[in-house]
Amino acid sequence: MRSLRTLSVVGCHAEGEVGDVIVGGVLDVPGKTMYDKLVHFQTQADHIRQLVLNEPRGRSSMNTNVVLPPCNPLADAGFLVMESEEYAPMSGSNIICTTTVLLETGMVPMKEPTTKLCLDTAAGLVGVTADCHAGKCRAVSFDNVPSFVARLDLPVEVPGLGTVLVDVAWGGMWYALVDAASIGLDLDNKYGARLVEVGERIKRAVQAQYTPIHPDNPSIRGVSILSITEPVQDGLHGKTAKNAVVVSPGRLDRSPCGTGTCARLAVLHARGAIGEGELLRHRSIIGSEFESHIRGTAKVGEYDAVLPTVKGRAWITSYKQIVLDPEDPWPQGFRVGDQWHVSVDPGA
């Protein structure tokens, strides 16, 4: 078969969120850090992201990760997260997918009952603990980079909604968090289109009015993702909460969202609503769940930060090769508005 490009990919999802992993066909790129490599892909090799994520090979509700040699000598592997609109510095569901693929394909040796490894990400080094049995990676727990709040109750003027209060927090990506009831919404699957529409509108308003900057890497700036939340409930076995994370260009994360969980832990801790060691079961729009807790505190620049740990599961779904025929008229794919949803009317 003729092909300008052949990529070996392992299909995977973490609690419903697709996070395929490229394991072959992409060479390493220059960079002293994984963030440098992220910038290289973004500026010099973005055709790879477009090839695998745009139609007809991809779809709006998926991510793809690429495994690369690490920059940090303490890491077992490095990886970058490619999403529809950006290269995320870090992603919880994607690190769970990538760890599962690394272990179940033998790229990193699996040790039962527990495998410990470190992955180099564009947000920093992340420690991972995998529960393993009978050749299967049963669950993955990751010790994320420090998470912190930039603003609480930030008033944002949103077309069609008026003043909306949002919290802005770092969890590996810059999040805006908004209470569902405050904008008249329920976190029910049947309201998915409305959640996306309103969520994207709020996100665009935040982007226009406030720009958080990470103190350790000023190049990481600006909110790119939004979490719509419901109140935390106390239970016999810890706290539970639900959220719906709106990912651009307009869809809902199928998982509870790992970095979103970390951002929410930072907000809850800043408000005195959760302490170190307390369990938070964070649920998604489809009812899937991540377990999480704060393992300690830290300082990031002027910000008081928490050290979050999140645990979830992933499953391999396919082994495939993605190819590019030299006569394919869409070498970087395409998008159609019925699935790649962005309103042209900010007040709609």
Protein backbone atom coordinates (compact mmCIF):
# COMPACT_ATOMS: atom_id res chain seq x y z
CA MET A 1 0.00 0.00 0.00
CA ARG A 2 1.31 3.45 -0.92
CA SER A 3 1.64 5.77 2.02
CA LEU A 4 3.26 9.12 2.71
CA ARG A 5 2.95 8.44 6.42
CA THR A 6 2.33 5.36 8.58
CA LEU A 7 1.67 5.69 12.30
CA SER A 8 1.32 2.77 14.70
CA VAL A 9 -1.38 3.53 17.24
CA VAL A 10 -2.84 1.74 20.25
CA GLY A 11 -6.46 2.75 20.85
CA CYS A 12 -7.36 3.36 24.48
CA HIS A 13 -9.91 5.09 26.68
CA ALA A 14 -9.85 6.14 30.33
CA GLU A 15 -13.26 6.05 32.00
CA GLY A 16 -14.85 6.78 28.62
CA GLU A 17 -12.47 9.45 27.31
CA VAL A 18 -10.51 8.36 24.22
CA GLY A 19 -6.76 8.82 24.56
CA ASP A 20 -5.10 6.87 21.75
CA VAL A 21 -1.33 6.46 21.92
CA ILE A 22 1.10 6.72 18.99
CA VAL A 23 3.80 4.12 19.64
CA GLY A 24 5.57 4.19 16.28
CA GLY A 25 6.10 6.30 13.19
CA VAL A 26 7.03 9.57 14.93
CA LEU A 27 10.67 10.40 15.60
CA ASP A 28 11.96 12.41 18.53
CA VAL A 29 12.18 16.19 18.12
CA PRO A 30 14.65 18.73 19.55
CA GLY A 31 14.10 20.14 23.02
CA LYS A 32 15.76 20.40 26.40
CA THR A 33 12.38 19.93 28.09
CA MET A 34 9.12 18.26 27.14
CA TYR A 35 7.59 21.72 26.90
CA ASP A 36 10.23 22.57 24.27
CA LYS A 37 9.16 19.46 22.37
CA LEU A 38 5.51 20.53 22.70
CA VAL A 39 6.38 23.88 21.12
CA HIS A 40 8.26 22.11 18.31
CA PHE A 41 5.24 19.97 17.46
CA GLN A 42 2.97 22.99 17.71
CA THR A 43 5.06 25.14 15.39
CA GLN A 44 6.89 22.64 13.15
CA ALA A 45 4.90 19.40 13.04
CA ASP A 46 1.27 20.21 13.73
CA HIS A 47 0.25 18.23 10.63
CA ILE A 48 0.56 15.07 12.73
CA ARG A 49 -2.06 16.26 15.22
CA GLN A 50 -4.37 17.35 12.43
CA LEU A 51 -3.91 14.08 10.54
CA VAL A 52 -4.91 11.87 13.47
CA LEU A 53 -7.55 14.05 15.16
CA ASN A 54 -9.42 15.67 12.29
CA GLU A 55 -11.90 13.76 10.17
CA PRO A 56 -11.91 11.34 8.46
CA ARG A 57 -9.44 9.55 10.76
CA GLY A 58 -10.38 11.28 13.98
CA ARG A 59 -13.37 12.90 15.59
CA SER A 60 -14.05 15.73 17.99
CA SER A 61 -14.40 13.53 21.10
CA MET A 62 -10.89 12.08 21.21
CA ASN A 63 -7.28 12.82 22.07
CA THR A 64 -4.04 11.31 20.83
CA ASN A 65 -0.78 10.99 22.75
CA VAL A 66 2.69 10.55 21.32
CA VAL A 67 5.35 8.65 23.25
CA LEU A 68 8.81 10.24 23.06
CA PRO A 69 12.15 9.87 24.85
CA PRO A 70 12.07 11.83 28.12
CA CYS A 71 14.14 14.93 28.82
CA ASN A 72 14.25 14.40 32.57
CA PRO A 73 16.72 11.59 33.41
CA LEU A 74 14.44 10.43 36.23
CA ALA A 75 11.63 9.60 33.79
CA ASP A 76 10.90 6.21 32.23
CA ALA A 77 9.25 7.79 29.18
CA GLY A 78 7.98 11.09 27.90
CA PHE A 79 4.70 11.87 26.21
CA LEU A 80 2.81 14.79 24.72
CA VAL A 81 -0.96 15.28 24.69
CA MET A 82 -2.58 16.32 21.43
CA GLU A 83 -6.14 17.62 21.66
CA SER A 84 -8.46 19.05 19.01
CA GLU A 85 -7.49 22.67 19.70
CA GLU A 86 -4.23 22.51 21.64
CA TYR A 87 -1.33 20.58 23.06
CA ALA A 88 -2.25 20.20 26.71
CA PRO A 89 0.74 20.48 29.08
CA MET A 90 -0.75 17.63 31.13
CA SER A 91 -3.90 15.48 31.09
CA GLY A 92 -5.07 12.98 33.67
CA SER A 93 -7.13 10.72 31.43
CA ASN A 94 -4.32 10.73 28.87
CA ILE A 95 -1.60 9.83 31.38
CA ILE A 96 -3.81 6.94 32.53
CA CYS A 97 -4.21 5.81 28.90
CA THR A 98 -0.53 6.23 28.11
CA THR A 99 0.58 4.33 31.23
CA THR A 100 -1.81 1.48 30.44
CA VAL A 101 -0.48 1.24 26.89
CA LEU A 102 3.18 1.43 27.96
CA LEU A 103 2.68 -1.43 30.41
CA GLU A 104 0.32 -3.68 28.45
CA THR A 105 2.45 -3.50 25.29
CA GLY A 106 5.68 -4.14 27.23
CA MET A 107 7.28 -0.80 26.31
CA VAL A 108 7.83 -0.40 30.06
CA PRO A 109 8.20 -3.65 32.02
CA MET A 110 5.15 -4.52 34.12
CA LYS A 111 5.70 -5.64 37.70
CA GLU A 112 2.88 -7.24 39.66
CA PRO A 113 1.11 -6.30 41.83
CA THR A 114 2.46 -2.73 41.53
CA THR A 115 4.48 -0.93 38.90
CA LYS A 116 5.96 2.47 39.70
CA LEU A 117 7.25 4.76 36.98
CA CYS A 118 7.76 8.43 36.18
CA LEU A 119 6.53 10.14 33.03
CA ASP A 120 7.97 13.36 31.65
CA THR A 121 5.25 15.81 30.59
CA ALA A 122 5.21 19.39 29.34
CA ALA A 123 3.95 20.38 32.81
CA GLY A 124 6.74 18.54 34.62
CA LEU A 125 7.64 15.13 36.01
CA VAL A 126 4.65 13.03 37.12
CA GLY A 127 4.97 9.94 39.31
CA VAL A 128 2.68 7.03 38.43
CA THR A 129 1.65 3.92 40.33
CA ALA A 130 -0.13 1.16 38.41
CA ASP A 131 -2.09 -1.69 39.97
CA CYS A 132 -1.31 -4.76 37.86
CA HIS A 133 -2.64 -8.31 37.83
CA ALA A 134 -2.45 -11.16 35.30
CA GLY A 135 -0.81 -8.97 32.68
CA LYS A 136 -3.48 -6.29 32.96
CA CYS A 137 -3.03 -2.74 34.20
CA ARG A 138 -6.09 -2.58 36.46
CA ALA A 139 -5.81 1.04 37.60
CA VAL A 140 -3.43 3.96 37.39
CA SER A 141 -2.75 6.55 40.09
CA PHE A 142 -0.72 9.65 39.25
CA ASP A 143 0.87 12.22 41.55
CA ASN A 144 0.22 15.38 39.60
CA VAL A 145 2.21 18.59 39.50
CA PRO A 146 1.24 21.19 42.14
CA SER A 147 -2.21 22.70 41.56
CA PHE A 148 -3.31 26.12 42.73
CA VAL A 149 -5.96 28.82 42.50
CA ALA A 150 -5.32 32.03 40.60
CA ARG A 151 -8.69 33.67 41.30
CA LEU A 152 -11.81 32.84 43.28
CA ASP A 153 -15.19 34.33 42.35
CA LEU A 154 -13.83 36.24 39.37
CA PRO A 155 -16.72 38.26 37.86
CA VAL A 156 -16.93 37.78 34.10
CA GLU A 157 -19.36 39.49 31.76
CA VAL A 158 -20.84 36.84 29.47
CA PRO A 159 -23.03 37.77 26.48
CA GLY A 160 -26.58 36.59 27.07
CA LEU A 161 -25.87 35.60 30.68
CA GLY A 162 -24.69 38.75 32.39
CA THR A 163 -22.16 38.60 35.22
CA VAL A 164 -20.96 35.06 35.98
CA LEU A 165 -18.63 34.19 38.85
CA VAL A 166 -15.86 31.75 37.98
CA ASP A 167 -12.88 30.30 39.79
CA VAL A 168 -9.62 30.07 37.83
CA ALA A 169 -7.19 27.32 38.80
CA TRP A 170 -4.19 25.38 37.47
CA GLY A 171 -4.37 21.59 37.51
CA GLY A 172 -1.95 20.87 34.66
CA MET A 173 -4.05 23.08 32.37
CA TRP A 174 -5.65 26.45 33.12
CA TYR A 175 -9.29 25.94 34.13
CA ALA A 176 -12.27 28.15 34.68
CA LEU A 177 -14.76 26.51 37.06
CA VAL A 178 -18.38 27.59 37.33
CA ASP A 179 -21.26 26.30 39.44
CA ALA A 180 -23.98 24.70 37.31
CA ALA A 181 -26.88 26.11 39.33
CA SER A 182 -25.48 29.64 39.06
CA ILE A 183 -25.98 29.51 35.28
CA GLY A 184 -29.26 27.60 35.44
CA LEU A 185 -28.00 24.24 34.21
CA ASP A 186 -28.17 20.61 35.35
CA LEU A 187 -25.35 18.14 34.71
CA ASP A 188 -27.47 15.64 32.83
CA ASN A 189 -26.41 13.92 29.62
CA LYS A 190 -29.61 15.02 27.86
CA TYR A 191 -28.55 18.65 28.29
CA GLY A 192 -25.15 18.01 26.71
CA ALA A 193 -25.56 20.39 23.77
CA ARG A 194 -26.68 23.22 26.06
CA LEU A 195 -23.82 22.60 28.48
CA VAL A 196 -21.35 22.84 25.61
CA GLU A 197 -22.95 25.97 24.16
CA VAL A 198 -23.04 27.87 27.45
CA GLY A 199 -19.68 26.52 28.57
CA GLU A 200 -17.91 27.65 25.40
CA ARG A 201 -19.54 31.07 25.71
CA ILE A 202 -18.30 31.47 29.29
CA LYS A 203 -14.86 30.23 28.34
CA ARG A 204 -14.53 32.76 25.53
CA ALA A 205 -15.60 35.52 27.91
CA VAL A 206 -12.97 34.48 30.47
CA GLN A 207 -10.31 34.37 27.76
CA ALA A 208 -11.21 37.91 26.71
CA GLN A 209 -11.20 39.35 30.23
CA TYR A 210 -8.57 37.53 32.29
CA THR A 211 -5.26 35.79 31.49
CA PRO A 212 -3.64 33.66 34.21
CA ILE A 213 0.10 33.06 33.78
CA HIS A 214 1.97 30.11 35.27
CA PRO A 215 4.77 31.49 37.48
CA ASP A 216 7.22 28.73 36.54
CA ASN A 217 6.58 28.94 32.79
CA PRO A 218 5.15 32.26 31.56
CA SER A 219 4.52 30.69 28.16
CA ILE A 220 1.70 28.66 29.74
CA ARG A 221 -0.99 31.28 29.95
CA GLY A 222 -4.71 31.66 29.46
CA VAL A 223 -7.74 29.51 30.28
CA SER A 224 -8.35 26.85 27.63
CA ILE A 225 -10.83 24.55 29.37
CA LEU A 226 -13.89 24.91 31.60
CA SER A 227 -15.47 22.77 34.30
CA ILE A 228 -19.17 23.08 35.15
CA THR A 229 -19.61 21.73 38.67
CA GLU A 230 -22.25 20.53 41.09
CA PRO A 231 -21.83 20.82 44.88
CA VAL A 232 -19.74 18.33 46.83
CA GLN A 233 -21.72 15.76 48.81
CA ASP A 234 -20.48 14.15 52.02
CA GLY A 235 -20.81 10.37 52.31
CA LEU A 236 -19.73 7.42 54.44
CA HIS A 237 -16.71 6.78 52.24
CA GLY A 238 -15.59 10.33 51.53
CA LYS A 239 -16.87 13.16 49.39
CA THR A 240 -18.47 12.85 45.97
CA ALA A 241 -19.02 15.46 43.27
CA LYS A 242 -19.97 15.68 39.62
CA ASN A 243 -18.61 17.88 36.87
CA ALA A 244 -18.85 18.31 33.12
CA VAL A 245 -15.70 19.57 31.44
CA VAL A 246 -16.13 21.55 28.22
CA VAL A 247 -13.29 20.96 25.76
CA SER A 248 -12.85 23.20 22.72
CA PRO A 249 -14.00 23.45 20.02
CA GLY A 250 -17.17 22.30 21.71
CA ARG A 251 -17.65 18.93 23.39
CA LEU A 252 -17.81 17.31 26.82
CA ASP A 253 -15.01 15.25 28.34
CA ARG A 254 -16.36 11.73 28.76
CA SER A 255 -14.19 11.11 31.83
CA PRO A 256 -14.29 13.05 35.12
CA CYS A 257 -11.14 14.82 33.80
CA GLY A 258 -7.92 14.30 35.72
CA THR A 259 -6.41 17.78 35.56
CA GLY A 260 -9.89 19.20 36.12
CA THR A 261 -10.14 17.10 39.27
CA CYS A 262 -6.81 18.55 40.41
CA ALA A 263 -7.97 22.10 39.72
CA ARG A 264 -11.15 21.42 41.68
CA LEU A 265 -9.19 20.01 44.62
CA ALA A 266 -7.19 23.26 44.65
CA VAL A 267 -10.39 25.32 44.70
CA LEU A 268 -12.04 23.18 47.38
CA HIS A 269 -8.91 23.37 49.55
CA ALA A 270 -8.68 27.15 49.12
CA ARG A 271 -12.29 27.41 50.28
CA GLY A 272 -11.69 25.14 53.27
CA ALA A 273 -14.03 22.50 51.85
CA ILE A 274 -11.52 19.62 51.73
CA GLY A 275 -8.42 18.76 53.70
CA GLU A 276 -5.30 16.73 53.10
CA GLY A 277 -5.98 13.03 52.76
CA GLU A 278 -9.75 13.37 52.32
CA LEU A 279 -11.14 11.27 49.47
CA LEU A 280 -13.02 12.94 46.62
CA ARG A 281 -14.82 10.72 44.14
CA HIS A 282 -15.19 12.88 41.05
CA ARG A 283 -17.81 11.81 38.52
CA SER A 284 -18.33 12.60 34.86
CA ILE A 285 -21.32 13.30 32.65
CA ILE A 286 -21.60 9.53 31.94
CA GLY A 287 -21.16 8.52 35.59
CA SER A 288 -17.56 7.29 35.35
CA GLU A 289 -15.35 8.08 38.33
CA PHE A 290 -11.85 9.13 39.39
CA GLU A 291 -10.72 8.81 43.00
CA SER A 292 -8.60 11.68 44.24
CA HIS A 293 -7.05 13.23 47.32
CA ILE A 294 -4.56 15.90 48.39
CA ARG A 295 -1.30 14.31 49.49
CA GLY A 296 0.32 17.55 50.70
CA THR A 297 0.81 21.24 50.06
CA ALA A 298 3.47 23.34 48.34
CA LYS A 299 4.24 26.81 47.07
CA VAL A 300 4.34 27.76 43.38
CA GLY A 301 5.59 31.30 43.02
CA GLU A 302 3.28 33.40 45.18
CA TYR A 303 0.51 30.79 45.12
CA ASP A 304 -0.40 28.29 47.84
CA ALA A 305 -0.67 24.96 46.05
CA VAL A 306 -1.90 21.45 46.74
CA LEU A 307 -0.30 18.19 45.65
CA PRO A 308 -3.12 16.13 44.11
CA THR A 309 -3.25 12.40 43.42
CA VAL A 310 -5.84 10.97 41.05
CA LYS A 311 -6.68 7.34 40.27
CA GLY A 312 -8.64 5.86 37.38
CA ARG A 313 -8.84 3.00 34.89
CA ALA A 314 -8.17 2.60 31.16
CA TRP A 315 -8.81 -0.09 28.57
CA ILE A 316 -7.07 -0.79 25.27
CA THR A 317 -9.61 -0.79 22.44
CA SER A 318 -7.61 -1.38 19.27
CA TYR A 319 -4.27 -1.82 17.55
CA LYS A 320 -4.16 0.08 14.28
CA GLN A 321 -2.08 1.81 11.66
CA ILE A 322 -3.02 5.26 10.44
CA VAL A 323 -1.84 5.93 6.90
CA LEU A 324 -1.83 8.85 4.49
CA ASP A 325 -2.36 8.00 0.84
CA PRO A 326 -0.37 10.40 -1.39
CA GLU A 327 -3.53 11.13 -3.40
CA ASP A 328 -5.73 11.83 -0.37
CA PRO A 329 -7.20 15.32 -0.96
CA TRP A 330 -7.33 16.02 2.80
CA PRO A 331 -3.82 15.30 4.15
CA GLN A 332 -4.59 17.32 7.30
CA GLY A 333 -8.20 16.26 7.53
CA PHE A 334 -11.28 18.45 7.80
CA ARG A 335 -14.00 19.51 10.20
CA VAL A 336 -17.76 19.72 9.65
CA GLY A 337 -19.94 21.96 11.79
CA ASP A 338 -22.43 19.27 12.77
CA GLN A 339 -19.80 17.60 14.98
CA TRP A 340 -17.19 20.32 15.48
CA HIS A 341 -19.63 22.59 17.21
CA VAL A 342 -18.90 26.25 17.82
CA SER A 343 -21.68 28.81 17.83
CA VAL A 344 -21.24 31.78 15.53
CA ASP A 345 -23.56 33.76 17.78
CA PRO A 346 -21.96 34.48 21.18
CA GLY A 347 -25.37 35.33 22.62
CA ALA A 348 -27.09 32.18 21.37
